[in-house]
Amino acid sequence: MAKRVQKRKVKPSRPAASVCWFDVPADDLGRAKKFYRSLFGWKFAKLSAAIADYWHIDTGGKDASPAGGLLPRIHPGHSITIYVAVPSVDRAVVKVQKLGGTVCKPKTAVPHMGYFAICEDTEHNTFALWEMNQRAA
């Protein structure tokens, strides 16, 4: 008589919550570009964005290495912000709040690219959530 083999349920894996972008604020964009170009060899290119004077940062790393942006400092406490890729900004901000974090800037569209939200963790560190979505408007 053949033995019945029980199939084990496999949990679907969650996509990695990887750092996918970063923003570096600066009081003097020229000085900041010179610093990072000299230190790391980063390359800068003007990027049209909702923020005037926004520069794309090419870190020169492999495909998995995140690129970033350089922008004018918005307020005195504005520091480097990392963007973490998530499947849904809507679901992630609910989880941020449930865990005791704060949503500083609600879900915002970057047309034809995706959505982001700026949050603060329980230790008062600012970070951003990013959802890729080419239909964003």
Protein backbone atom coordinates (compact mmCIF):
# COMPACT_ATOMS: atom_id res chain seq x y z
CA MET A 1 0.00 0.00 0.00
CA ALA A 2 1.41 3.42 -0.99
CA LYS A 3 2.03 6.03 1.67
CA ARG A 4 0.23 9.35 1.35
CA VAL A 5 2.60 12.25 1.34
CA GLN A 6 1.35 15.42 2.96
CA LYS A 7 2.12 18.58 1.09
CA ARG A 8 3.55 21.33 3.21
CA LYS A 9 2.09 24.78 2.73
CA VAL A 10 4.67 27.26 1.56
CA LYS A 11 4.25 30.87 2.59
CA PRO A 12 4.62 33.26 -0.30
CA SER A 13 7.79 35.28 0.13
CA ARG A 14 7.53 39.00 0.73
CA PRO A 15 9.41 41.22 -1.66
CA ALA A 16 12.56 42.67 -0.14
CA ALA A 17 12.09 46.11 1.37
CA SER A 18 15.26 47.43 -0.23
CA VAL A 19 16.68 50.92 -0.25
CA CYS A 20 15.92 52.07 -3.79
CA TRP A 21 16.76 55.82 -3.74
CA PHE A 22 18.14 58.53 -1.50
CA ASP A 23 17.92 62.32 -1.35
CA VAL A 24 20.75 64.55 -0.15
CA PRO A 25 19.69 68.07 0.86
CA ALA A 26 22.25 70.88 0.59
CA ASP A 27 22.55 74.54 1.46
CA ASP A 28 25.01 75.03 -1.43
CA LEU A 29 24.36 72.63 -4.33
CA GLY A 30 27.65 73.43 -6.08
CA ARG A 31 29.66 72.78 -2.94
CA ALA A 32 27.78 69.51 -2.28
CA LYS A 33 28.29 68.29 -5.86
CA LYS A 34 32.03 69.05 -5.63
CA PHE A 35 32.27 67.22 -2.28
CA TYR A 36 30.50 64.02 -3.39
CA ARG A 37 32.11 64.02 -6.85
CA SER A 38 35.57 64.27 -5.23
CA LEU A 39 34.82 61.82 -2.43
CA PHE A 40 32.96 59.06 -4.28
CA GLY A 41 33.19 59.92 -7.99
CA TRP A 42 29.42 60.44 -8.20
CA LYS A 43 28.05 62.07 -11.35
CA PHE A 44 25.28 64.68 -11.38
CA ALA A 45 22.70 65.53 -14.04
CA LYS A 46 19.88 68.09 -13.86
CA LEU A 47 16.55 66.33 -13.47
CA SER A 48 13.17 67.92 -14.07
CA ALA A 49 11.13 67.33 -10.95
CA ALA A 50 8.53 68.99 -8.79
CA ILE A 51 11.41 70.59 -6.87
CA ALA A 52 13.45 73.26 -8.67
CA ASP A 53 17.18 72.56 -8.82
CA TYR A 54 16.85 68.78 -8.41
CA TRP A 55 19.91 66.80 -9.55
CA HIS A 56 20.10 63.07 -10.28
CA ILE A 57 23.03 61.33 -8.57
CA ASP A 58 24.62 58.46 -10.48
CA THR A 59 26.59 56.50 -7.88
CA GLY A 60 28.27 54.40 -10.58
CA GLY A 61 27.44 51.18 -8.75
CA LYS A 62 26.05 47.95 -10.12
CA ASP A 63 22.34 47.72 -11.05
CA ALA A 64 21.36 46.92 -7.45
CA SER A 65 23.11 50.06 -6.17
CA PRO A 66 20.58 52.83 -5.58
CA ALA A 67 20.89 56.18 -7.28
CA GLY A 68 19.73 59.37 -5.65
CA GLY A 69 18.95 63.04 -5.86
CA LEU A 70 20.52 66.27 -4.67
CA LEU A 71 18.14 69.10 -3.78
CA PRO A 72 18.05 72.40 -1.92
CA ARG A 73 17.53 71.97 1.83
CA ILE A 74 13.83 72.56 2.57
CA HIS A 75 14.06 73.24 6.33
CA PRO A 76 16.88 73.42 8.92
CA GLY A 77 16.43 69.82 10.13
CA HIS A 78 16.22 68.36 6.60
CA SER A 79 18.73 65.52 6.40
CA ILE A 80 19.51 62.66 4.01
CA THR A 81 16.38 60.63 3.29
CA ILE A 82 16.42 57.01 2.17
CA TYR A 83 13.56 55.61 0.09
CA VAL A 84 12.48 52.03 0.75
CA ALA A 85 10.62 50.12 -1.97
CA VAL A 86 7.25 48.73 -0.87
CA PRO A 87 4.44 47.04 -2.83
CA SER A 88 1.87 49.59 -1.59
CA VAL A 89 2.45 53.00 -0.01
CA ASP A 90 -1.14 52.96 1.25
CA ARG A 91 -0.66 49.73 3.21
CA ALA A 92 2.82 50.71 4.41
CA VAL A 93 1.71 54.06 5.91
CA VAL A 94 -1.04 52.27 7.83
CA LYS A 95 1.59 49.91 9.23
CA VAL A 96 3.94 52.83 10.07
CA GLN A 97 1.18 54.42 12.17
CA LYS A 98 0.18 51.12 13.78
CA LEU A 99 3.80 50.62 14.88
CA GLY A 100 3.99 54.11 16.45
CA GLY A 101 5.57 56.02 13.57
CA THR A 102 4.30 59.21 11.97
CA VAL A 103 3.38 60.11 8.41
CA CYS A 104 4.96 63.52 7.74
CA LYS A 105 3.96 63.84 4.07
CA PRO A 106 1.10 61.67 2.82
CA LYS A 107 1.14 59.62 -0.37
CA THR A 108 2.27 61.85 -3.22
CA ALA A 109 2.43 61.04 -6.93
CA VAL A 110 5.53 61.42 -9.05
CA PRO A 111 3.84 61.40 -12.46
CA HIS A 112 4.50 58.31 -14.57
CA MET A 113 6.95 56.93 -11.98
CA GLY A 114 5.21 56.08 -8.72
CA TYR A 115 4.16 57.26 -5.28
CA PHE A 116 6.04 58.21 -2.13
CA ALA A 117 5.26 59.14 1.46
CA ILE A 118 7.65 60.65 3.99
CA CYS A 119 7.52 59.09 7.44
CA GLU A 120 9.23 59.28 10.81
CA ASP A 121 10.09 56.22 12.87
CA THR A 122 9.73 55.88 16.65
CA GLU A 123 13.27 57.29 17.07
CA HIS A 124 12.49 60.48 15.07
CA ASN A 125 14.42 59.36 11.98
CA THR A 126 12.89 60.42 8.67
CA PHE A 127 12.56 57.94 5.80
CA ALA A 128 10.44 57.58 2.69
CA LEU A 129 8.34 54.80 1.24
CA TRP A 130 8.35 54.29 -2.54
CA GLU A 131 5.85 52.42 -4.70
CA MET A 132 6.76 52.02 -8.37
CA ASN A 133 3.70 52.70 -10.53
CA GLN A 134 3.98 54.11 -14.06
CA ARG A 135 0.27 55.03 -13.96
CA ALA A 136 0.84 57.54 -11.14
CA ALA A 137 -0.56 60.97 -11.92
